[in-house]
N, C-alpha and C. Protein backbone atom coordinates (compact mmCIF):
# COMPACT_ATOMS: atom_id res chain seq x y z
N MET A 1 163.15 -105.47 182.61
CA MET A 1 162.11 -105.42 182.28
C MET A 1 162.20 -105.95 180.57
N TRP A 2 161.53 -106.82 180.07
CA TRP A 2 161.46 -107.81 178.91
C TRP A 2 160.84 -106.37 178.16
N LYS A 3 161.40 -105.90 176.80
CA LYS A 3 161.02 -105.35 175.83
C LYS A 3 160.97 -105.55 174.60
N GLY A 4 160.86 -107.17 174.33
CA GLY A 4 161.16 -107.83 173.18
C GLY A 4 159.74 -108.24 172.58
N LYS A 5 159.79 -109.05 171.41
CA LYS A 5 158.58 -109.61 171.19
C LYS A 5 157.57 -110.45 172.04
N ASN A 6 156.21 -109.78 172.23
CA ASN A 6 155.76 -110.53 173.02
C ASN A 6 154.94 -111.83 172.48
N SER A 7 155.61 -112.86 172.00
CA SER A 7 154.50 -113.71 170.91
C SER A 7 153.79 -114.58 171.70
N PHE A 8 153.47 -115.00 172.87
CA PHE A 8 152.94 -116.09 173.58
C PHE A 8 152.35 -115.48 174.68
N GLY A 9 152.27 -114.09 174.97
CA GLY A 9 151.79 -113.44 176.28
C GLY A 9 152.18 -113.51 177.51
N ILE A 10 153.43 -114.05 177.39
CA ILE A 10 154.48 -114.21 178.72
C ILE A 10 154.92 -112.99 179.21
N VAL A 11 154.61 -111.95 178.76
CA VAL A 11 155.07 -110.98 179.31
C VAL A 11 153.56 -110.10 180.05
N GLY A 12 153.37 -109.65 181.00
CA GLY A 12 152.55 -108.87 181.37
C GLY A 12 152.11 -107.30 181.29
N ALA A 13 150.83 -107.14 181.70
CA ALA A 13 150.91 -105.34 181.17
C ALA A 13 151.77 -104.51 182.00
N ASP A 14 152.61 -105.01 182.93
CA ASP A 14 153.51 -104.18 184.00
C ASP A 14 155.09 -104.52 183.11
N GLY A 15 155.15 -105.36 182.16
CA GLY A 15 156.55 -105.98 181.39
C GLY A 15 157.26 -106.44 182.34
N GLU A 16 156.68 -107.29 182.94
CA GLU A 16 157.40 -108.67 183.69
C GLU A 16 156.87 -109.79 183.17
N VAL A 17 158.02 -110.55 182.85
CA VAL A 17 158.23 -112.07 182.30
C VAL A 17 157.10 -112.89 183.36
N ASN A 18 156.19 -113.71 182.91
CA ASN A 18 155.68 -114.64 183.50
C ASN A 18 156.29 -115.95 183.30
N PHE A 19 157.30 -116.43 184.35
CA PHE A 19 158.15 -117.62 183.63
C PHE A 19 157.35 -118.98 184.22
N SER A 20 156.07 -119.28 184.34
CA SER A 20 155.46 -120.18 184.46
C SER A 20 154.94 -120.14 183.02
N LYS A 21 154.44 -119.16 182.34
CA LYS A 21 154.10 -119.70 180.98
C LYS A 21 155.18 -119.69 180.17
N LEU A 22 156.43 -119.13 180.41
CA LEU A 22 157.23 -119.47 179.63
C LEU A 22 158.02 -120.72 179.52
N GLU A 23 158.01 -121.46 180.84
CA GLU A 23 158.30 -122.45 181.20
C GLU A 23 157.16 -123.74 180.08
N ARG A 24 156.19 -123.19 180.76
CA ARG A 24 155.17 -124.11 179.33
C ARG A 24 155.63 -124.26 178.34
N GLN A 25 155.77 -122.99 177.52
CA GLN A 25 155.71 -122.57 176.35
C GLN A 25 157.47 -123.64 175.81
N ILE A 26 158.12 -123.38 176.72
CA ILE A 26 159.54 -124.27 176.58
C ILE A 26 158.84 -125.70 176.46
N ASP A 27 158.18 -126.00 177.31
CA ASP A 27 158.22 -127.79 177.71
C ASP A 27 157.39 -128.19 176.14
N LYS A 28 156.56 -127.44 175.79
CA LYS A 28 155.60 -127.99 174.44
C LYS A 28 156.96 -127.90 173.18
N SER A 29 157.53 -126.95 173.32
CA SER A 29 158.58 -126.71 172.11
C SER A 29 159.35 -127.90 172.03
N VAL A 30 160.09 -128.31 173.31
CA VAL A 30 161.15 -129.48 173.55
C VAL A 30 160.35 -130.82 172.80
N ALA A 31 158.93 -130.96 173.45
CA ALA A 31 158.33 -131.98 173.30
C ALA A 31 157.85 -132.42 171.67
N ALA A 32 157.24 -131.14 171.73
CA ALA A 32 157.34 -131.48 169.61
C ALA A 32 158.28 -131.61 168.91
N ASP A 33 159.75 -131.29 169.30
CA ASP A 33 161.02 -131.52 168.68
C ASP A 33 161.40 -133.00 169.13
N GLU A 34 160.99 -133.58 170.21
CA GLU A 34 161.47 -134.53 170.33
C GLU A 34 160.65 -135.97 169.85
N ARG A 35 158.86 -135.99 169.59
CA ARG A 35 158.12 -136.16 168.87
C ARG A 35 158.71 -136.03 167.49
N TYR A 36 159.15 -135.27 166.77
CA TYR A 36 159.55 -135.31 165.40
C TYR A 36 160.62 -136.08 164.90
N TRP A 37 161.78 -135.70 165.77
CA TRP A 37 163.24 -136.49 165.64
C TRP A 37 162.74 -138.17 166.40
N THR A 38 161.91 -138.46 166.85
CA THR A 38 161.49 -140.06 167.19
C THR A 38 160.86 -140.41 166.05
N GLN A 39 159.80 -139.63 165.35
CA GLN A 39 159.13 -140.43 164.24
C GLN A 39 159.94 -140.36 163.03
N ASN A 40 161.29 -139.35 162.85
CA ASN A 40 162.06 -139.35 162.14
C ASN A 40 162.88 -140.64 161.85
N GLU A 41 163.36 -140.73 163.09
CA GLU A 41 164.29 -141.86 162.93
C GLU A 41 163.59 -143.49 163.25
N ALA A 42 162.51 -143.50 163.38
CA ALA A 42 161.57 -144.56 162.89
C ALA A 42 161.41 -144.55 161.56
N LYS A 43 160.48 -143.80 160.66
CA LYS A 43 160.74 -143.71 159.47
C LYS A 43 162.18 -144.10 158.70
N ILE A 44 162.99 -143.23 159.42
CA ILE A 44 164.55 -144.07 158.30
C ILE A 44 164.68 -145.28 158.85
N ARG A 45 164.60 -145.73 160.13
CA ARG A 45 164.94 -147.06 160.30
C ARG A 45 163.67 -148.39 159.61
N ALA A 46 162.63 -147.85 159.53
CA ALA A 46 161.69 -148.33 158.53
C ALA A 46 162.25 -148.57 157.15
N VAL A 47 162.62 -148.07 156.74
CA VAL A 47 162.97 -147.69 155.48
C VAL A 47 164.44 -148.73 154.92
N ASN A 48 165.40 -148.28 155.73
CA ASN A 48 166.77 -149.01 155.57
C ASN A 48 166.18 -150.62 156.21
N ASN A 49 165.43 -150.86 157.23
CA ASN A 49 164.66 -152.59 157.27
C ASN A 49 163.99 -153.28 156.18
N LYS A 50 163.60 -152.20 154.97
CA LYS A 50 162.88 -152.81 153.88
C LYS A 50 161.91 -153.03 154.42
N VAL A 51 160.59 -152.26 154.63
CA VAL A 51 159.63 -152.93 155.57
C VAL A 51 158.76 -153.48 154.36
N ALA A 52 157.88 -154.88 154.29
CA ALA A 52 157.05 -155.55 153.44
C ALA A 52 155.98 -154.63 153.05
N SER A 53 155.14 -153.55 153.99
CA SER A 53 153.98 -153.01 152.98
C SER A 53 154.45 -151.69 153.63
N TYR A 54 153.25 -150.80 153.25
CA TYR A 54 152.98 -149.29 153.54
C TYR A 54 152.33 -149.41 155.17
N GLU A 55 151.64 -150.51 155.43
CA GLU A 55 150.80 -150.28 156.60
C GLU A 55 151.94 -151.09 157.60
N GLU A 56 153.12 -151.75 157.14
CA GLU A 56 153.85 -152.25 158.26
C GLU A 56 154.69 -150.78 158.68
N PHE A 57 155.08 -149.87 157.57
CA PHE A 57 156.08 -148.58 157.83
C PHE A 57 155.16 -147.88 158.56
N GLU A 58 154.06 -147.68 158.38
CA GLU A 58 153.16 -146.99 159.12
C GLU A 58 152.61 -147.09 161.07
N ASP A 59 153.10 -148.30 161.17
CA ASP A 59 152.69 -149.49 162.51
C ASP A 59 154.33 -148.84 162.98
N ILE A 60 155.16 -148.81 162.37
CA ILE A 60 156.50 -148.74 162.98
C ILE A 60 156.57 -147.15 163.44
N VAL A 61 155.92 -146.12 162.91
CA VAL A 61 155.94 -144.60 162.99
C VAL A 61 154.94 -144.88 164.03
N LYS A 62 154.03 -145.33 164.10
CA LYS A 62 153.09 -144.82 165.14
C LYS A 62 152.93 -145.09 166.59
N ALA A 63 154.27 -146.34 166.26
CA ALA A 63 154.74 -146.81 167.66
C ALA A 63 156.27 -146.58 168.03
N SER A 64 156.61 -145.46 167.60
CA SER A 64 157.60 -144.86 167.76
C SER A 64 158.25 -144.25 169.23
N HIS A 65 156.72 -143.78 169.67
CA HIS A 65 157.01 -142.82 171.19
C HIS A 65 156.94 -143.96 172.22
N LEU A 66 156.75 -145.27 172.39
CA LEU A 66 156.94 -146.28 173.00
C LEU A 66 157.94 -146.58 174.06
N LYS A 67 158.20 -146.50 174.83
CA LYS A 67 158.92 -147.04 176.05
C LYS A 67 159.28 -148.47 176.39
N PRO A 68 160.03 -149.03 176.67
CA PRO A 68 160.05 -150.44 177.54
C PRO A 68 160.01 -149.97 179.00
N LEU A 69 159.19 -151.19 179.43
CA LEU A 69 159.41 -151.05 180.49
C LEU A 69 160.77 -151.16 181.24
N ALA A 70 160.79 -150.33 182.46
CA ALA A 70 162.18 -149.99 183.36
C ALA A 70 162.57 -151.33 184.26
N LYS A 71 163.42 -152.05 184.11
CA LYS A 71 164.15 -153.48 184.77
C LYS A 71 163.43 -153.46 185.97
N GLY A 72 162.79 -152.71 187.09
CA GLY A 72 161.94 -152.90 188.30
C GLY A 72 160.54 -152.78 188.34
N ASP A 73 160.42 -152.35 187.29
CA ASP A 73 159.00 -152.08 186.62
C ASP A 73 158.16 -153.75 186.57
N ARG A 74 156.95 -153.79 187.24
CA ARG A 74 155.91 -155.08 187.00
C ARG A 74 154.52 -154.58 186.64
N ILE A 75 154.09 -155.72 185.47
CA ILE A 75 152.79 -155.63 185.23
C ILE A 75 151.50 -155.00 186.20
N SER A 76 152.09 -155.64 187.26
CA SER A 76 150.89 -155.63 188.85
C SER A 76 150.86 -154.54 189.00
N ASP A 77 151.90 -153.54 188.91
CA ASP A 77 151.79 -152.46 189.77
C ASP A 77 151.88 -151.50 188.66
N MET A 78 150.83 -151.71 187.13
CA MET A 78 150.50 -150.84 186.15
C MET A 78 149.73 -149.39 186.93
N ASP A 79 149.01 -149.54 187.93
CA ASP A 79 148.13 -148.85 188.46
C ASP A 79 148.76 -147.62 189.54
N LYS A 80 149.97 -148.31 189.55
CA LYS A 80 150.78 -147.22 190.20
C LYS A 80 151.65 -146.88 189.33
N PHE A 81 151.91 -147.33 187.90
CA PHE A 81 153.02 -146.59 187.29
C PHE A 81 152.63 -145.56 186.92
N THR A 82 153.43 -144.37 187.19
CA THR A 82 153.32 -142.87 186.81
C THR A 82 154.10 -142.73 185.52
N GLN A 83 154.86 -143.33 184.81
CA GLN A 83 155.65 -142.70 183.53
C GLN A 83 154.87 -142.51 182.83
N PRO A 84 154.52 -141.95 181.71
CA PRO A 84 153.58 -141.63 180.59
C PRO A 84 154.20 -142.59 179.75
N TRP A 85 153.56 -143.14 178.97
CA TRP A 85 154.33 -144.41 177.63
C TRP A 85 154.10 -143.41 176.25
N ASN A 86 153.56 -142.14 176.45
CA ASN A 86 153.59 -141.15 175.25
C ASN A 86 153.96 -139.84 175.47
N ILE A 87 155.26 -139.59 176.01
CA ILE A 87 155.90 -138.34 176.36
C ILE A 87 155.62 -137.40 175.28
N ALA A 88 155.95 -137.60 174.35
CA ALA A 88 156.41 -136.63 173.21
C ALA A 88 154.81 -136.27 172.76
N SER A 89 153.54 -137.08 172.74
CA SER A 89 152.11 -137.37 172.30
C SER A 89 151.68 -136.99 173.13
N SER A 90 151.98 -136.77 174.51
CA SER A 90 150.90 -136.10 175.52
C SER A 90 149.57 -134.64 175.01
N LYS A 91 148.35 -135.28 175.39
CA LYS A 91 147.33 -134.44 174.59
C LYS A 91 147.81 -133.47 175.44
N SER A 92 148.03 -133.20 176.93
CA SER A 92 148.67 -131.30 176.73
C SER A 92 148.95 -130.66 176.03
N ASN A 93 150.45 -131.46 175.29
CA ASN A 93 151.06 -130.34 174.44
C ASN A 93 150.49 -130.31 173.18
N TYR A 94 148.97 -130.26 172.90
CA TYR A 94 148.12 -129.82 172.24
C TYR A 94 147.15 -129.05 172.03
N SER A 95 146.78 -127.81 171.08
CA SER A 95 145.70 -127.60 171.32
C SER A 95 145.10 -126.89 169.96
N PHE A 96 143.66 -127.20 169.49
CA PHE A 96 142.94 -126.92 168.43
C PHE A 96 141.79 -126.33 168.41
N THR A 97 141.71 -125.42 168.28
CA THR A 97 140.13 -124.75 168.00
C THR A 97 139.12 -124.78 166.63
N GLU A 98 138.02 -125.73 166.41
CA GLU A 98 137.61 -125.99 165.30
C GLU A 98 137.23 -124.59 164.80
N PRO A 99 137.61 -124.18 163.47
CA PRO A 99 136.57 -123.04 162.79
C PRO A 99 135.25 -122.83 163.00
N SER A 100 134.56 -121.95 163.13
CA SER A 100 132.98 -121.32 163.66
C SER A 100 132.38 -121.41 162.15
N GLY A 101 131.36 -121.97 161.62
CA GLY A 101 130.68 -122.15 160.66
C GLY A 101 131.56 -123.57 159.54
N SER A 102 130.68 -123.44 158.46
CA SER A 102 130.60 -124.84 157.39
C SER A 102 131.85 -124.72 156.48
N ASP A 103 132.30 -123.10 156.00
CA ASP A 103 133.02 -122.44 154.98
C ASP A 103 134.40 -122.51 155.82
N LEU A 104 135.45 -123.00 155.27
CA LEU A 104 136.64 -122.59 155.77
C LEU A 104 138.03 -122.10 154.90
N SER A 105 137.82 -120.85 154.86
CA SER A 105 138.81 -120.18 153.99
C SER A 105 140.19 -120.85 154.05
N THR A 106 140.83 -121.30 152.64
CA THR A 106 142.08 -122.05 152.32
C THR A 106 143.34 -121.42 153.62
N SER A 107 143.31 -120.03 153.63
CA SER A 107 144.43 -119.45 154.52
C SER A 107 144.45 -119.46 155.64
N SER A 108 143.21 -120.56 156.53
CA SER A 108 143.04 -120.32 157.74
C SER A 108 143.97 -122.63 158.08
N VAL A 109 143.92 -122.80 156.73
CA VAL A 109 144.93 -124.36 156.81
C VAL A 109 146.01 -124.37 157.12
N GLN A 110 146.50 -124.01 158.23
CA GLN A 110 147.81 -123.87 159.00
C GLN A 110 148.80 -124.99 158.85
N ASN A 111 148.61 -126.11 158.61
CA ASN A 111 149.09 -127.34 158.90
C ASN A 111 148.90 -128.42 158.34
N ILE A 112 149.54 -129.51 158.65
CA ILE A 112 148.74 -130.78 158.40
C ILE A 112 147.94 -131.56 158.96
N THR A 113 147.83 -131.41 160.42
CA THR A 113 146.86 -131.96 160.89
C THR A 113 145.58 -131.67 160.50
N HIS A 114 145.53 -130.08 160.48
CA HIS A 114 144.35 -129.21 160.05
C HIS A 114 143.66 -129.68 158.87
N PHE A 115 144.90 -130.08 157.86
CA PHE A 115 144.40 -130.35 156.19
C PHE A 115 143.42 -131.52 156.55
N SER A 116 144.36 -132.91 156.80
CA SER A 116 144.00 -134.05 157.42
C SER A 116 142.71 -134.12 157.84
N ARG A 117 142.08 -132.98 158.68
CA ARG A 117 140.80 -133.17 159.61
C ARG A 117 139.76 -132.36 158.47
N GLU A 118 140.34 -131.56 157.60
CA GLU A 118 139.29 -130.68 156.65
C GLU A 118 138.79 -132.10 155.29
N TRP A 119 140.03 -132.47 155.18
CA TRP A 119 140.50 -133.65 153.99
C TRP A 119 138.82 -134.77 154.44
N LYS A 120 139.42 -135.50 155.36
CA LYS A 120 138.41 -136.48 156.02
C LYS A 120 137.00 -135.86 155.81
N LYS A 121 136.76 -134.39 156.39
CA LYS A 121 135.32 -133.85 156.74
C LYS A 121 134.79 -133.92 155.46
N ARG A 122 135.41 -134.37 154.00
CA ARG A 122 134.58 -134.39 153.08
C ARG A 122 134.75 -135.69 152.14
N PRO A 123 133.55 -136.21 152.56
CA PRO A 123 133.92 -138.01 152.13
C PRO A 123 133.96 -138.10 150.57
N GLU A 124 133.25 -137.24 149.90
CA GLU A 124 132.94 -137.21 148.61
C GLU A 124 134.57 -137.02 147.69
N PRO A 125 134.81 -137.63 146.93
CA PRO A 125 135.94 -137.43 146.23
C PRO A 125 136.12 -135.75 145.19
N GLN A 126 134.85 -135.67 144.67
CA GLN A 126 134.69 -134.32 143.74
C GLN A 126 134.72 -133.00 145.03
N ASP A 127 134.51 -133.40 146.62
CA ASP A 127 134.43 -132.07 147.18
C ASP A 127 136.22 -132.42 147.56
N GLN A 128 136.41 -133.23 147.88
CA GLN A 128 137.79 -133.20 148.67
C GLN A 128 138.99 -132.40 147.25
N LEU A 129 138.85 -132.93 145.80
CA LEU A 129 139.47 -132.07 144.75
C LEU A 129 139.43 -130.87 144.75
N THR A 130 137.92 -130.43 144.99
CA THR A 130 137.78 -128.90 145.15
C THR A 130 138.38 -128.18 146.30
N PHE A 131 138.22 -129.04 147.26
CA PHE A 131 139.50 -128.18 148.37
C PHE A 131 140.84 -128.20 148.52
N LEU A 132 141.29 -129.26 147.72
CA LEU A 132 143.15 -129.44 147.24
C LEU A 132 143.24 -128.03 146.36
N LEU A 133 142.29 -128.36 145.19
CA LEU A 133 142.38 -127.27 143.90
C LEU A 133 142.40 -125.30 145.27
N SER A 134 141.49 -125.21 146.11
CA SER A 134 141.30 -124.16 146.21
C SER A 134 142.48 -123.69 147.19
N LEU A 135 143.34 -124.59 146.92
CA LEU A 135 144.55 -124.18 148.37
C LEU A 135 145.63 -123.57 146.93
N SER A 136 146.43 -122.50 147.30
CA SER A 136 147.68 -122.11 146.79
C SER A 136 148.43 -122.65 146.27
N GLN A 137 149.46 -122.64 145.98
CA GLN A 137 150.66 -123.41 145.74
C GLN A 137 151.79 -123.02 147.05
N ALA A 138 151.48 -121.92 147.68
CA ALA A 138 152.10 -121.26 148.72
C ALA A 138 151.41 -122.04 150.28
N ASP A 139 149.74 -121.98 150.17
CA ASP A 139 149.17 -122.76 151.00
C ASP A 139 149.69 -124.51 151.02
N ILE A 140 150.02 -124.81 150.10
CA ILE A 140 150.11 -126.27 149.68
C ILE A 140 151.84 -126.35 149.97
N LYS A 141 152.96 -125.15 149.95
CA LYS A 141 154.25 -125.27 150.65
C LYS A 141 154.49 -125.16 152.06
N ARG A 142 153.43 -124.60 152.39
CA ARG A 142 153.44 -124.33 154.23
C ARG A 142 152.89 -125.53 154.91
N ILE A 143 151.78 -126.35 154.37
CA ILE A 143 150.92 -127.63 154.85
C ILE A 143 152.13 -128.56 154.93
N PHE A 144 152.46 -128.52 153.89
CA PHE A 144 153.79 -129.62 153.87
C PHE A 144 155.17 -129.93 153.86
N HIS A 145 155.58 -128.66 154.69
CA HIS A 145 157.13 -128.23 154.17
C HIS A 145 157.19 -129.05 155.31
N ALA A 146 157.08 -129.80 156.51
CA ALA A 146 158.24 -130.74 156.90
C ALA A 146 157.97 -132.15 156.42
N GLU A 147 156.14 -132.31 156.14
CA GLU A 147 156.86 -133.79 155.09
C GLU A 147 155.15 -133.93 154.62
N ILE A 148 154.38 -134.65 154.02
CA ILE A 148 153.33 -135.19 152.84
C ILE A 148 152.29 -135.65 154.25
N GLY A 149 153.21 -136.62 154.78
CA GLY A 149 152.15 -137.29 155.88
C GLY A 149 151.80 -138.57 155.07
N LEU A 150 151.59 -139.52 156.04
CA LEU A 150 151.37 -141.47 155.72
C LEU A 150 149.82 -141.19 154.77
N GLY A 151 150.44 -141.36 153.73
CA GLY A 151 148.97 -142.14 153.20
C GLY A 151 148.45 -141.09 152.25
N LEU A 152 149.21 -139.83 152.57
CA LEU A 152 148.34 -138.46 152.21
C LEU A 152 148.24 -138.45 150.21
N LEU A 153 149.59 -138.85 149.74
CA LEU A 153 150.35 -138.11 148.32
C LEU A 153 149.03 -139.46 148.09
N GLY A 154 149.00 -140.75 148.28
CA GLY A 154 148.71 -141.41 147.25
C GLY A 154 146.66 -141.10 147.14
N ASP A 155 146.05 -140.80 148.55
CA ASP A 155 145.00 -139.74 148.33
C ASP A 155 144.76 -138.96 147.56
N MET A 156 145.48 -137.88 147.58
CA MET A 156 145.54 -136.78 146.71
C MET A 156 144.86 -137.57 145.20
N ILE A 157 146.50 -138.54 145.08
CA ILE A 157 146.60 -138.75 143.66
C ILE A 157 145.40 -139.59 143.07
N THR A 158 144.60 -140.27 143.83
CA THR A 158 143.15 -141.04 143.38
C THR A 158 142.47 -140.44 143.15
N VAL A 159 142.33 -139.15 144.14
CA VAL A 159 141.23 -138.24 143.92
C VAL A 159 141.68 -136.93 142.71
N MET A 160 142.64 -137.20 142.51
CA MET A 160 143.02 -136.29 141.28
C MET A 160 142.41 -137.13 140.18
N GLY A 161 143.20 -138.16 140.28
CA GLY A 161 142.78 -139.16 138.88
C GLY A 161 141.46 -139.56 138.51
N GLY A 162 140.61 -140.17 139.86
CA GLY A 162 139.34 -139.89 139.32
C GLY A 162 138.16 -139.19 139.49
N CYS A 163 138.67 -138.07 139.50
CA CYS A 163 138.21 -136.73 139.08
C CYS A 163 138.58 -135.68 138.52
N PHE A 164 139.11 -136.17 137.10
CA PHE A 164 140.13 -135.55 136.33
C PHE A 164 138.75 -135.05 135.72
N ASP A 165 139.16 -133.62 135.25
CA ASP A 165 138.33 -132.74 133.86
C ASP A 165 139.50 -131.79 133.30
N ASP A 166 139.36 -131.84 132.15
CA ASP A 166 140.45 -131.09 131.16
C ASP A 166 140.09 -129.66 131.71
N SER A 167 139.27 -129.18 131.88
CA SER A 167 139.38 -127.57 132.71
C SER A 167 139.91 -127.74 134.15
N LEU A 168 140.50 -128.61 134.41
CA LEU A 168 140.90 -128.63 135.84
C LEU A 168 142.83 -128.83 135.50
N ALA A 169 142.97 -128.98 134.37
CA ALA A 169 144.47 -129.54 133.88
C ALA A 169 145.64 -129.37 134.75
N GLU A 170 145.40 -127.64 134.34
CA GLU A 170 146.42 -126.80 134.90
C GLU A 170 146.44 -126.80 136.25
N GLY A 171 145.60 -126.82 137.09
CA GLY A 171 145.22 -126.93 138.18
C GLY A 171 145.77 -128.26 139.12
N ILE A 172 145.49 -128.95 138.30
CA ILE A 172 145.86 -130.27 139.10
C ILE A 172 147.35 -130.60 138.73
N LEU A 173 147.86 -130.26 137.52
CA LEU A 173 149.69 -129.96 137.64
C LEU A 173 150.03 -129.37 138.61
N ALA A 174 149.68 -128.22 138.47
CA ALA A 174 150.30 -127.72 139.41
C ALA A 174 150.33 -128.13 140.84
N VAL A 175 149.45 -128.46 141.48
CA VAL A 175 149.34 -129.30 142.94
C VAL A 175 150.57 -130.64 142.89
N LEU A 176 150.49 -131.24 141.55
CA LEU A 176 151.42 -132.30 141.35
C LEU A 176 153.08 -131.57 141.71
N GLN A 177 153.23 -130.51 140.53
CA GLN A 177 154.54 -130.57 140.91
C GLN A 177 154.79 -129.35 142.38
N THR A 178 153.89 -128.89 142.77
CA THR A 178 154.12 -128.07 144.08
C THR A 178 154.33 -129.43 145.35
N LEU A 179 153.90 -130.30 145.17
CA LEU A 179 153.98 -131.91 145.97
C LEU A 179 155.48 -132.31 145.87
N THR A 180 156.07 -132.03 144.86
CA THR A 180 157.57 -132.56 144.86
C THR A 180 158.51 -131.87 145.49
N VAL A 181 158.29 -130.38 145.77
CA VAL A 181 159.01 -129.68 146.48
C VAL A 181 158.82 -129.75 148.34
N CYS A 182 157.87 -130.52 148.49
CA CYS A 182 157.42 -130.77 149.85
C CYS A 182 158.31 -131.64 150.78
N GLY A 183 158.49 -131.62 151.93
CA GLY A 183 159.28 -132.22 152.74
C GLY A 183 158.64 -133.89 152.75
N ARG A 184 159.64 -134.81 152.68
CA ARG A 184 159.66 -136.41 152.33
C ARG A 184 158.77 -136.70 151.07
N PHE A 185 159.06 -135.96 149.84
CA PHE A 185 158.61 -136.44 149.21
C PHE A 185 158.84 -137.56 148.41
N GLU A 186 159.94 -137.42 148.29
CA GLU A 186 160.60 -138.91 147.76
C GLU A 186 159.73 -140.21 148.45
N MET A 187 160.03 -140.15 149.93
CA MET A 187 159.30 -141.13 150.84
C MET A 187 158.16 -141.73 150.44
N SER A 188 157.54 -140.62 150.42
CA SER A 188 155.98 -140.79 150.32
C SER A 188 155.82 -141.32 148.83
N LEU A 189 156.41 -140.95 147.85
CA LEU A 189 156.27 -141.53 146.62
C LEU A 189 156.82 -143.31 146.72
N MET A 190 157.67 -143.28 147.21
CA MET A 190 158.13 -144.51 147.44
C MET A 190 157.32 -145.80 148.13
N PHE A 191 156.01 -145.42 148.87
CA PHE A 191 155.28 -146.04 149.66
C PHE A 191 154.18 -146.03 148.84
N LEU A 192 154.11 -145.38 147.56
CA LEU A 192 152.73 -145.31 146.74
C LEU A 192 152.25 -147.04 146.39
N SER A 193 151.02 -147.22 146.45
CA SER A 193 150.65 -148.53 146.40
C SER A 193 150.45 -148.87 144.73
N GLY A 194 150.63 -150.06 144.31
CA GLY A 194 150.30 -150.51 142.86
C GLY A 194 149.39 -149.93 142.01
N SER A 195 148.31 -149.74 142.43
CA SER A 195 147.01 -149.00 141.78
C SER A 195 147.30 -147.41 142.08
N GLU A 196 147.77 -146.83 142.96
CA GLU A 196 148.17 -145.46 143.31
C GLU A 196 149.14 -145.16 142.10
N LYS A 197 150.17 -146.14 142.07
CA LYS A 197 150.94 -145.65 140.57
C LYS A 197 150.48 -145.93 139.50
N GLU A 198 149.65 -146.61 139.32
CA GLU A 198 148.44 -146.61 137.89
C GLU A 198 147.86 -145.51 137.83
N THR A 199 147.21 -145.33 138.82
CA THR A 199 146.63 -143.99 138.66
C THR A 199 147.49 -142.82 138.21
N LEU A 200 148.81 -142.47 138.89
CA LEU A 200 149.45 -141.46 139.01
C LEU A 200 149.98 -141.80 137.35
N LYS A 201 150.23 -142.78 136.90
CA LYS A 201 150.91 -142.48 135.23
C LYS A 201 149.47 -142.16 134.73
N LEU A 202 148.33 -142.69 134.57
CA LEU A 202 146.96 -142.35 134.00
C LEU A 202 146.88 -140.65 133.72
N LEU A 203 147.39 -140.75 135.10
CA LEU A 203 146.69 -139.08 135.01
C LEU A 203 147.56 -137.81 134.59
N LEU A 204 148.98 -138.64 134.71
CA LEU A 204 149.75 -137.75 133.78
C LEU A 204 149.81 -137.92 132.47
N LYS A 205 149.14 -138.98 131.81
CA LYS A 205 148.90 -138.91 130.40
C LYS A 205 147.75 -138.04 129.70
N LYS A 206 146.87 -137.63 131.05
CA LYS A 206 145.71 -136.71 130.50
C LYS A 206 146.20 -135.48 130.64
N LEU A 207 147.43 -135.42 131.65
CA LEU A 207 147.97 -134.04 131.62
C LEU A 207 149.10 -133.85 130.23
N SER A 208 149.44 -134.53 129.57
CA SER A 208 150.69 -134.63 128.65
C SER A 208 150.58 -133.13 127.74
N THR A 209 149.64 -132.60 127.45
CA THR A 209 149.52 -131.08 126.81
C THR A 209 149.74 -130.32 127.58
N VAL A 210 149.81 -130.39 128.75
CA VAL A 210 150.03 -129.29 129.65
C VAL A 210 151.39 -128.67 129.67
N GLU A 211 151.75 -127.45 129.92
CA GLU A 211 153.08 -126.86 129.66
C GLU A 211 153.84 -127.35 131.27
N GLY A 212 154.99 -127.84 131.07
CA GLY A 212 155.37 -128.40 132.13
C GLY A 212 155.38 -129.53 133.01
N ILE A 213 154.51 -130.36 131.98
CA ILE A 213 154.28 -131.70 132.01
C ILE A 213 155.50 -132.80 132.39
N THR A 214 156.80 -132.49 131.37
CA THR A 214 158.16 -132.92 131.37
C THR A 214 158.61 -133.47 132.83
N GLU A 215 159.20 -131.98 133.52
CA GLU A 215 159.18 -131.99 134.45
C GLU A 215 158.79 -132.64 135.62
N VAL A 216 157.51 -132.52 135.83
CA VAL A 216 156.84 -133.21 136.49
C VAL A 216 156.77 -134.83 136.60
N CYS A 217 156.95 -135.14 135.18
CA CYS A 217 157.15 -136.42 135.41
C CYS A 217 158.28 -136.89 135.64
N GLY A 218 159.52 -135.88 135.14
CA GLY A 218 160.76 -136.44 136.35
C GLY A 218 160.59 -136.82 137.28
N ALA A 219 159.87 -135.99 137.75
CA ALA A 219 159.89 -135.84 139.33
C ALA A 219 159.25 -136.94 139.91
N TYR A 220 158.19 -137.66 139.57
CA TYR A 220 157.51 -138.49 139.86
C TYR A 220 158.25 -139.54 139.14
N GLY A 221 159.15 -139.91 138.18
CA GLY A 221 159.67 -141.02 137.89
C GLY A 221 158.95 -141.76 136.90
N ILE A 222 158.35 -141.07 136.58
CA ILE A 222 157.08 -141.13 135.00
C ILE A 222 157.63 -141.57 133.68
N GLU A 223 157.40 -142.05 132.96
CA GLU A 223 158.06 -142.18 131.32
C GLU A 223 156.57 -142.21 130.87
N LEU A 224 156.22 -141.20 129.48
CA LEU A 224 154.86 -141.24 129.10
C LEU A 224 155.20 -142.27 127.38
């Protein structure tokens, strides 16, 4: 009889292990791990190959899951071809429930996927900035612990720069500082566009009197 923690509901009321649920949970974990390492290898390969643009980098990562046809496979047999193209990204591996109500507490934003959805649901930059500043430093570290995500660093910099107000200076600097310790920050910084880099420089100049600006400028490679 199992007496350990029943995190995924794999143990029934009688204390017996539900091996079907256990197997499904293991399959999900393996698929998630495979997806992470496949994308990670694609990112490293793209950087080493010195891709010409951010769009090319993004395309390489998005296509990282694709598998070539086996030697005996034919296009004419595709209606009979049962091997999934995207094993790691199979929809059966995902489950997401939209929160009820129009207001979302920041504590419920648990990961980068959830953050991206909430970010895109706010088309106005001012609303995006309000949402971003409502997150605590702990929230930001948790959401982006693995990586900041393709294009998100540039988007956040653009919003903070475009909607800057002196009253928000300390909060904006705190966000910028926290992002520097998040996953793959250096890679995200590398793929900022020219306009995003200019916005970043102007934003840091506006923050020049806020305590801690020197360290943040150093992390972003900006000299004021």
